[in-house]
Amino acid sequence: MGSCEDSYSEYTKKYIVNFNYAIASSQQLFTTIGNYGQYCNIRRETSNGKTEIVMSNSSGTGRYTITSTEQYFSYGLGGLIVGTTSFGENVAYDLACPNCDRASRRLTLMEAGYASCNHCGVTYDMNNHGVISATDSTVTYSDLRGLYRYRITVSGNHLAVYN
């Protein structure tokens, strides 16, 4: 790894993130935050001229109308993954695969705190700061980096993800 910015223990500033949300406003966030080993993906989506915040976890997907304040949120490259590790630590990562480095290459959340990229075949361990846990046989570890990690604060009913 070339610099501190690439270290698993560091937070990235490569893509701007500014997301503030009331946890109880979303069933997906409410069931994710504070429950060990649970993760939720968050992204902005526009369809039929309507922009919404879309949140998905293992219990389902919710669509929430964006308020005038929320229209200024920044979601990193491909959206956000927020959750609570199996050790009880709140974490936030970019939803886009850091090795493909494209917004359209979103990760798939899997059981037991893993996320995988269907394009490059890399699997990440979200319970361990986003380190690579497996790769496609055609890819070598030395050419790869772990998940883009963001700062997260959970205070009462409020969740904030930022650089």
Protein backbone atom coordinates (compact mmCIF):
# COMPACT_ATOMS: atom_id res chain seq x y z
CA MET A 1 0.00 0.00 0.00
CA GLY A 2 1.41 3.30 -1.09
CA SER A 3 0.24 5.88 1.44
CA CYS A 4 -1.66 6.35 4.68
CA GLU A 5 -4.72 7.09 2.52
CA ASP A 6 -4.63 3.46 1.37
CA SER A 7 -4.42 2.00 4.89
CA TYR A 8 -7.38 -0.02 6.14
CA SER A 9 -7.39 1.92 9.40
CA GLU A 10 -7.63 5.32 7.67
CA TYR A 11 -10.62 7.22 6.32
CA THR A 12 -10.72 8.26 2.69
CA LYS A 13 -11.23 11.77 1.34
CA LYS A 14 -11.21 10.65 -2.29
CA TYR A 15 -15.00 11.09 -2.65
CA ILE A 16 -17.05 13.68 -0.77
CA VAL A 17 -19.51 12.35 1.80
CA ASN A 18 -21.99 14.39 3.85
CA PHE A 19 -25.02 12.43 5.03
CA ASN A 20 -27.15 13.22 8.11
CA TYR A 21 -30.31 11.30 8.88
CA ALA A 22 -32.72 10.50 11.69
CA ILE A 23 -32.36 6.76 12.33
CA ALA A 24 -36.01 6.30 13.30
CA SER A 25 -37.10 7.84 9.96
CA SER A 26 -36.05 4.67 8.14
CA GLN A 27 -37.04 1.14 9.09
CA GLN A 28 -33.85 -0.09 7.39
CA LEU A 29 -31.54 2.16 9.45
CA PHE A 30 -33.50 1.50 12.64
CA THR A 31 -33.05 -2.28 12.30
CA THR A 32 -29.39 -1.95 11.24
CA ILE A 33 -27.79 0.51 13.66
CA GLY A 34 -27.08 -1.09 17.01
CA ASN A 35 -27.70 -4.64 15.84
CA TYR A 36 -24.39 -6.44 15.59
CA GLY A 37 -23.45 -7.73 12.14
CA GLN A 38 -26.16 -5.74 10.33
CA TYR A 39 -25.55 -3.50 7.29
CA CYS A 40 -27.67 -1.19 5.13
CA ASN A 41 -26.87 0.38 1.76
CA ILE A 42 -27.95 3.95 1.04
CA ARG A 43 -28.02 5.71 -2.31
CA ARG A 44 -29.75 8.52 -4.15
CA GLU A 45 -31.92 7.44 -7.07
CA THR A 46 -33.97 9.40 -9.58
CA SER A 47 -36.78 7.79 -11.53
CA ASN A 48 -39.78 9.32 -13.27
CA GLY A 49 -38.49 12.77 -12.34
CA LYS A 50 -38.59 11.99 -8.60
CA THR A 51 -35.41 11.83 -6.51
CA GLU A 52 -35.41 9.59 -3.46
CA ILE A 53 -33.08 8.16 -0.86
CA VAL A 54 -33.14 4.38 -1.26
CA MET A 55 -32.12 2.25 1.74
CA SER A 56 -31.82 -1.54 1.58
CA ASN A 57 -30.92 -4.20 4.10
CA SER A 58 -31.70 -7.87 4.64
CA SER A 59 -35.27 -7.03 5.71
CA GLY A 60 -36.15 -5.04 2.59
CA THR A 61 -35.91 -1.75 0.71
CA GLY A 62 -37.38 1.62 1.61
CA ARG A 63 -37.75 4.70 -0.59
CA TYR A 64 -37.79 8.10 1.09
CA THR A 65 -38.60 11.44 -0.53
CA ILE A 66 -35.67 13.84 -0.36
CA THR A 67 -36.29 17.02 1.64
CA SER A 68 -34.86 20.42 0.68
CA THR A 69 -31.97 19.89 3.12
CA GLU A 70 -31.27 16.31 1.99
CA GLN A 71 -30.87 17.35 -1.66
CA TYR A 72 -27.41 18.65 -0.71
CA PHE A 73 -26.18 15.35 0.76
CA SER A 74 -23.14 13.72 -0.85
CA TYR A 75 -23.03 9.92 -1.06
CA GLY A 76 -19.43 9.21 -2.05
CA LEU A 77 -18.83 7.38 -5.32
CA GLY A 78 -21.61 4.77 -5.48
CA GLY A 79 -23.62 5.33 -2.31
CA LEU A 80 -23.00 4.27 1.28
CA ILE A 81 -22.90 1.13 3.35
CA VAL A 82 -23.53 1.77 7.05
CA GLY A 83 -23.79 -0.75 9.81
CA THR A 84 -22.65 -2.22 13.07
CA THR A 85 -19.86 -4.80 12.96
CA SER A 86 -20.15 -8.11 14.75
CA PHE A 87 -17.93 -6.46 17.39
CA GLY A 88 -20.36 -3.54 17.95
CA GLU A 89 -18.47 -0.80 16.06
CA ASN A 90 -20.47 1.51 13.77
CA VAL A 91 -18.84 1.69 10.33
CA ALA A 92 -19.44 3.38 6.96
CA TYR A 93 -18.03 2.44 3.57
CA ASP A 94 -18.58 3.42 -0.05
CA LEU A 95 -21.08 1.20 -1.86
CA ALA A 96 -18.94 1.21 -5.04
CA CYS A 97 -16.15 -1.32 -5.46
CA PRO A 98 -12.85 0.53 -4.78
CA ASN A 99 -10.96 -1.63 -7.28
CA CYS A 100 -13.37 -1.03 -10.16
CA ASP A 101 -13.63 2.62 -8.97
CA ARG A 102 -16.89 3.35 -10.83
CA ALA A 103 -20.22 4.50 -9.39
CA SER A 104 -22.04 1.86 -11.43
CA ARG A 105 -20.02 -1.01 -9.91
CA ARG A 106 -21.93 -1.29 -6.66
CA LEU A 107 -21.22 -4.03 -4.16
CA THR A 108 -23.68 -6.73 -3.15
CA LEU A 109 -24.18 -7.14 0.60
CA MET A 110 -23.86 -10.75 1.71
CA GLU A 111 -24.45 -12.72 4.91
CA ALA A 112 -22.08 -12.45 7.88
CA GLY A 113 -20.81 -8.93 7.08
CA TYR A 114 -19.31 -9.45 3.63
CA ALA A 115 -19.75 -7.42 0.44
CA SER A 116 -18.75 -8.58 -3.04
CA CYS A 117 -18.25 -7.08 -6.47
CA ASN A 118 -19.93 -9.03 -9.24
CA HIS A 119 -17.61 -7.47 -11.82
CA CYS A 120 -14.09 -8.06 -10.46
CA GLY A 121 -14.88 -10.91 -8.07
CA VAL A 122 -13.41 -9.33 -4.92
CA THR A 123 -15.11 -9.95 -1.55
CA TYR A 124 -14.61 -7.57 1.41
CA ASP A 125 -14.97 -8.15 5.15
CA MET A 126 -16.97 -5.23 6.56
CA ASN A 127 -16.51 -6.53 10.11
CA ASN A 128 -12.75 -6.02 9.70
CA HIS A 129 -12.41 -2.45 8.34
CA GLY A 130 -13.23 -3.49 4.76
CA VAL A 131 -10.21 -5.71 4.15
CA ILE A 132 -10.20 -8.06 1.19
CA SER A 133 -11.25 -11.55 2.24
CA ALA A 134 -11.32 -13.31 -1.16
CA THR A 135 -10.63 -12.65 -4.83
CA ASP A 136 -11.33 -14.15 -8.21
CA SER A 137 -8.46 -16.47 -9.14
CA THR A 138 -7.34 -14.06 -11.89
CA VAL A 139 -6.69 -11.17 -9.48
CA THR A 140 -3.75 -10.84 -7.06
CA TYR A 141 -4.04 -9.21 -3.64
CA SER A 142 -1.07 -6.90 -4.23
CA ASP A 143 -2.97 -5.09 -6.99
CA LEU A 144 -6.02 -4.39 -4.80
CA ARG A 145 -7.19 -2.09 -2.04
CA GLY A 146 -9.83 -2.44 0.68
CA LEU A 147 -13.12 -0.58 0.90
CA TYR A 148 -13.24 3.21 0.96
CA ARG A 149 -14.03 3.94 4.62
CA TYR A 150 -15.83 7.05 5.95
CA ARG A 151 -16.28 8.53 9.40
CA ILE A 152 -19.58 7.76 11.14
CA THR A 153 -21.21 9.16 14.24
CA VAL A 154 -24.32 7.75 15.88
CA SER A 155 -25.81 9.86 18.64
CA GLY A 156 -29.26 9.03 19.95
CA ASN A 157 -31.56 9.03 16.91
CA HIS A 158 -29.05 10.78 14.64
CA LEU A 159 -26.62 9.20 12.16
CA ALA A 160 -23.92 11.23 10.38
CA VAL A 161 -21.48 9.95 7.74
CA TYR A 162 -18.74 12.33 6.56
CA ASN A 163 -15.11 12.73 5.47
